[in-house]
Structures are given as C-alpha cells and as structure tokens.
C-alpha cells in the first residue's frame, strides 16, 4: 500500500463515518495498524467535511493537530496494565510468562 492509497482510504472512510461522530458520543482511536498518519488523514477529512476545527472527537491525533503527547503509548500500556493485573491475581507475573 502506498501512502497515497492509505490517505485516500482514510478520507473515503471518514466520508461514511463523520455523521456518526461527536465529541460526546463516539471517540474512535488508533489501533493495531492505525497510527498517527492515518489519524491525521481522518482528522483532516473530518475538518473538511464539517468545517469544525477543535471538536473532532478523534483520539490519537498527531500533537500538531491537538493530540496528546502520551496517546501513542496509551493503548499498549493499558493492555500491559490489565494483563499484569489479571496474571497477578492468579499468583504469577508477566516476567514469568511467555506467549
């Protein structure tokens, strides 16, 4: 996939998604395979479609687009936190485990 194909896909996806988004109802975020570039494309298309520039409701945006500096790690840290909590409940640790 070229960067141009990824951008066009993200823009097309937002054309279908934007009418369901609002800062108080839905907050899509990046996940596996979706990084700050893709979220930047989504955010840019959202701004073009809605003419709103401060209330996109998208998390994981690049910091240049009012994103959080800590958001990049947030999902991964949350997963490790929950996994560690769950495995300690059974008397083990993540360092004693392997996939």
C-alpha atoms as a PDB file:
ATOM      1  CA  UNK A   1       0.000   0.000   0.000  1.00  0.00           C
ATOM      2  CA  UNK A   2       1.321   3.377  -0.924  1.00  0.00           C
ATOM      3  CA  UNK A   3       0.928   6.389   1.335  1.00  0.00           C
ATOM      4  CA  UNK A   4      -1.428   7.887  -1.241  1.00  0.00           C
ATOM      5  CA  UNK A   5      -3.657   4.776  -1.191  1.00  0.00           C
ATOM      6  CA  UNK A   6      -3.760   4.850   2.614  1.00  0.00           C
ATOM      7  CA  UNK A   7      -4.685   8.553   2.582  1.00  0.00           C
ATOM      8  CA  UNK A   8      -7.472   8.020   0.030  1.00  0.00           C
ATOM      9  CA  UNK A   9      -8.834   5.075   2.021  1.00  0.00           C
ATOM     10  CA  UNK A  10      -8.868   7.103   5.254  1.00  0.00           C
ATOM     11  CA  UNK A  11     -10.592  10.022   3.548  1.00  0.00           C
ATOM     12  CA  UNK A  12     -13.226   7.748   1.988  1.00  0.00           C
ATOM     13  CA  UNK A  13     -13.784   6.020   5.319  1.00  0.00           C
ATOM     14  CA  UNK A  14     -14.333   9.354   7.070  1.00  0.00           C
ATOM     15  CA  UNK A  15     -16.884  10.398   4.436  1.00  0.00           C
ATOM     16  CA  UNK A  16     -19.022   7.485   5.639  1.00  0.00           C
ATOM     17  CA  UNK A  17     -18.165   7.797   9.341  1.00  0.00           C
ATOM     18  CA  UNK A  18     -18.244  11.514  10.123  1.00  0.00           C
ATOM     19  CA  UNK A  19     -22.016  11.904  10.512  1.00  0.00           C
ATOM     20  CA  UNK A  20     -21.936   9.473  13.450  1.00  0.00           C
ATOM     21  CA  UNK A  21     -19.110  11.228  15.318  1.00  0.00           C
ATOM     22  CA  UNK A  22     -19.438  13.787  18.050  1.00  0.00           C
ATOM     23  CA  UNK A  23     -17.103  14.529  20.948  1.00  0.00           C
ATOM     24  CA  UNK A  24     -19.753  13.446  23.440  1.00  0.00           C
ATOM     25  CA  UNK A  25     -20.947  10.292  21.670  1.00  0.00           C
ATOM     26  CA  UNK A  26     -18.099   8.471  19.981  1.00  0.00           C
ATOM     27  CA  UNK A  27     -14.332   8.667  20.126  1.00  0.00           C
ATOM     28  CA  UNK A  28     -12.592   6.382  17.646  1.00  0.00           C
ATOM     29  CA  UNK A  29      -8.904   5.893  18.246  1.00  0.00           C
ATOM     30  CA  UNK A  30      -5.948   4.326  16.571  1.00  0.00           C
ATOM     31  CA  UNK A  31      -5.399   0.629  16.979  1.00  0.00           C
ATOM     32  CA  UNK A  32      -3.135  -2.024  15.502  1.00  0.00           C
ATOM     33  CA  UNK A  33      -2.044  -0.825  12.069  1.00  0.00           C
ATOM     34  CA  UNK A  34      -3.545   2.647  12.564  1.00  0.00           C
ATOM     35  CA  UNK A  35      -1.041   5.243  13.583  1.00  0.00           C
ATOM     36  CA  UNK A  36      -0.755   8.984  13.764  1.00  0.00           C
ATOM     37  CA  UNK A  37      -0.506   9.390   9.981  1.00  0.00           C
ATOM     38  CA  UNK A  38      -3.813   7.612   9.401  1.00  0.00           C
ATOM     39  CA  UNK A  39      -5.485   9.534  12.233  1.00  0.00           C
ATOM     40  CA  UNK A  40      -4.131  12.745  10.733  1.00  0.00           C
ATOM     41  CA  UNK A  41      -5.775  11.877   7.401  1.00  0.00           C
ATOM     42  CA  UNK A  42      -9.042  11.060   9.177  1.00  0.00           C
ATOM     43  CA  UNK A  43      -8.909  14.293  11.189  1.00  0.00           C
ATOM     44  CA  UNK A  44      -8.150  16.373   8.100  1.00  0.00           C
ATOM     45  CA  UNK A  45     -11.079  14.900   6.200  1.00  0.00           C
ATOM     46  CA  UNK A  46     -13.364  15.391   9.216  1.00  0.00           C
ATOM     47  CA  UNK A  47     -12.396  19.071   9.327  1.00  0.00           C
ATOM     48  CA  UNK A  48     -13.048  19.442   5.585  1.00  0.00           C
ATOM     49  CA  UNK A  49     -16.469  17.802   5.845  1.00  0.00           C
ATOM     50  CA  UNK A  50     -17.707  19.565   8.978  1.00  0.00           C
ATOM     51  CA  UNK A  51     -15.772  22.846   8.963  1.00  0.00           C
ATOM     52  CA  UNK A  52     -15.036  22.192  12.660  1.00  0.00           C
ATOM     53  CA  UNK A  53     -11.503  22.613  13.851  1.00  0.00           C
ATOM     54  CA  UNK A  54     -11.462  21.928  17.573  1.00  0.00           C
ATOM     55  CA  UNK A  55     -14.035  19.279  18.436  1.00  0.00           C
ATOM     56  CA  UNK A  56     -13.307  16.280  16.254  1.00  0.00           C
ATOM     57  CA  UNK A  57     -13.681  13.647  18.944  1.00  0.00           C
ATOM     58  CA  UNK A  58     -10.801  11.664  17.426  1.00  0.00           C
ATOM     59  CA  UNK A  59      -8.125  10.480  19.820  1.00  0.00           C
ATOM     60  CA  UNK A  60      -4.607   9.564  18.840  1.00  0.00           C
ATOM     61  CA  UNK A  61      -4.114  12.584  16.574  1.00  0.00           C
ATOM     62  CA  UNK A  62      -0.607  13.900  15.991  1.00  0.00           C
ATOM     63  CA  UNK A  63       0.408  16.520  18.558  1.00  0.00           C
ATOM     64  CA  UNK A  64       0.461  19.144  15.774  1.00  0.00           C
ATOM     65  CA  UNK A  65      -3.302  18.556  15.423  1.00  0.00           C
ATOM     66  CA  UNK A  66      -4.017  18.983  19.163  1.00  0.00           C
ATOM     67  CA  UNK A  67      -3.287  15.360  20.016  1.00  0.00           C
ATOM     68  CA  UNK A  68      -1.907  14.171  23.340  1.00  0.00           C
ATOM     69  CA  UNK A  69       1.821  13.605  23.716  1.00  0.00           C
ATOM     70  CA  UNK A  70       1.152  10.426  25.713  1.00  0.00           C
ATOM     71  CA  UNK A  71      -1.529   8.929  23.445  1.00  0.00           C
ATOM     72  CA  UNK A  72       0.906   6.919  21.327  1.00  0.00           C
ATOM     73  CA  UNK A  73       1.624   4.584  24.211  1.00  0.00           C
ATOM     74  CA  UNK A  74      -1.773   4.688  25.892  1.00  0.00           C
ATOM     75  CA  UNK A  75      -3.348   1.605  24.298  1.00  0.00           C
ATOM     76  CA  UNK A  76      -0.255  -0.557  24.750  1.00  0.00           C
ATOM     77  CA  UNK A  77       0.266   0.496  28.344  1.00  0.00           C
ATOM     78  CA  UNK A  78      -3.392  -0.186  29.124  1.00  0.00           C
ATOM     79  CA  UNK A  79      -3.100  -3.700  27.726  1.00  0.00           C
ATOM     80  CA  UNK A  80       0.010  -4.462  29.798  1.00  0.00           C
ATOM     81  CA  UNK A  81      -1.563  -2.955  32.919  1.00  0.00           C
ATOM     82  CA  UNK A  82      -4.675  -5.145  32.620  1.00  0.00           C
ATOM     83  CA  UNK A  83      -2.683  -8.258  31.672  1.00  0.00           C
ATOM     84  CA  UNK A  84      -0.356  -7.757  34.637  1.00  0.00           C
ATOM     85  CA  UNK A  85      -3.309  -7.239  36.995  1.00  0.00           C
ATOM     86  CA  UNK A  86      -5.049 -10.380  35.715  1.00  0.00           C
ATOM     87  CA  UNK A  87      -1.991 -12.632  35.857  1.00  0.00           C
ATOM     88  CA  UNK A  88      -1.003 -11.429  39.353  1.00  0.00           C
ATOM     89  CA  UNK A  89      -4.476 -12.383  40.539  1.00  0.00           C
ATOM     90  CA  UNK A  90      -3.501 -15.992  39.815  1.00  0.00           C
ATOM     91  CA  UNK A  91      -0.193 -15.728  41.645  1.00  0.00           C
ATOM     92  CA  UNK A  92       2.146 -15.261  38.689  1.00  0.00           C
ATOM     93  CA  UNK A  93       3.908 -12.363  36.989  1.00  0.00           C
ATOM     94  CA  UNK A  94       4.334 -11.293  33.390  1.00  0.00           C
ATOM     95  CA  UNK A  95       8.093 -11.775  33.662  1.00  0.00           C
ATOM     96  CA  UNK A  96       7.449 -15.456  34.456  1.00  0.00           C
ATOM     97  CA  UNK A  97       5.202 -15.827  31.392  1.00  0.00           C
ATOM     98  CA  UNK A  98       5.646 -16.217  27.672  1.00  0.00           C
ATOM     99  CA  UNK A  99       3.362 -16.317  24.661  1.00  0.00           C
END
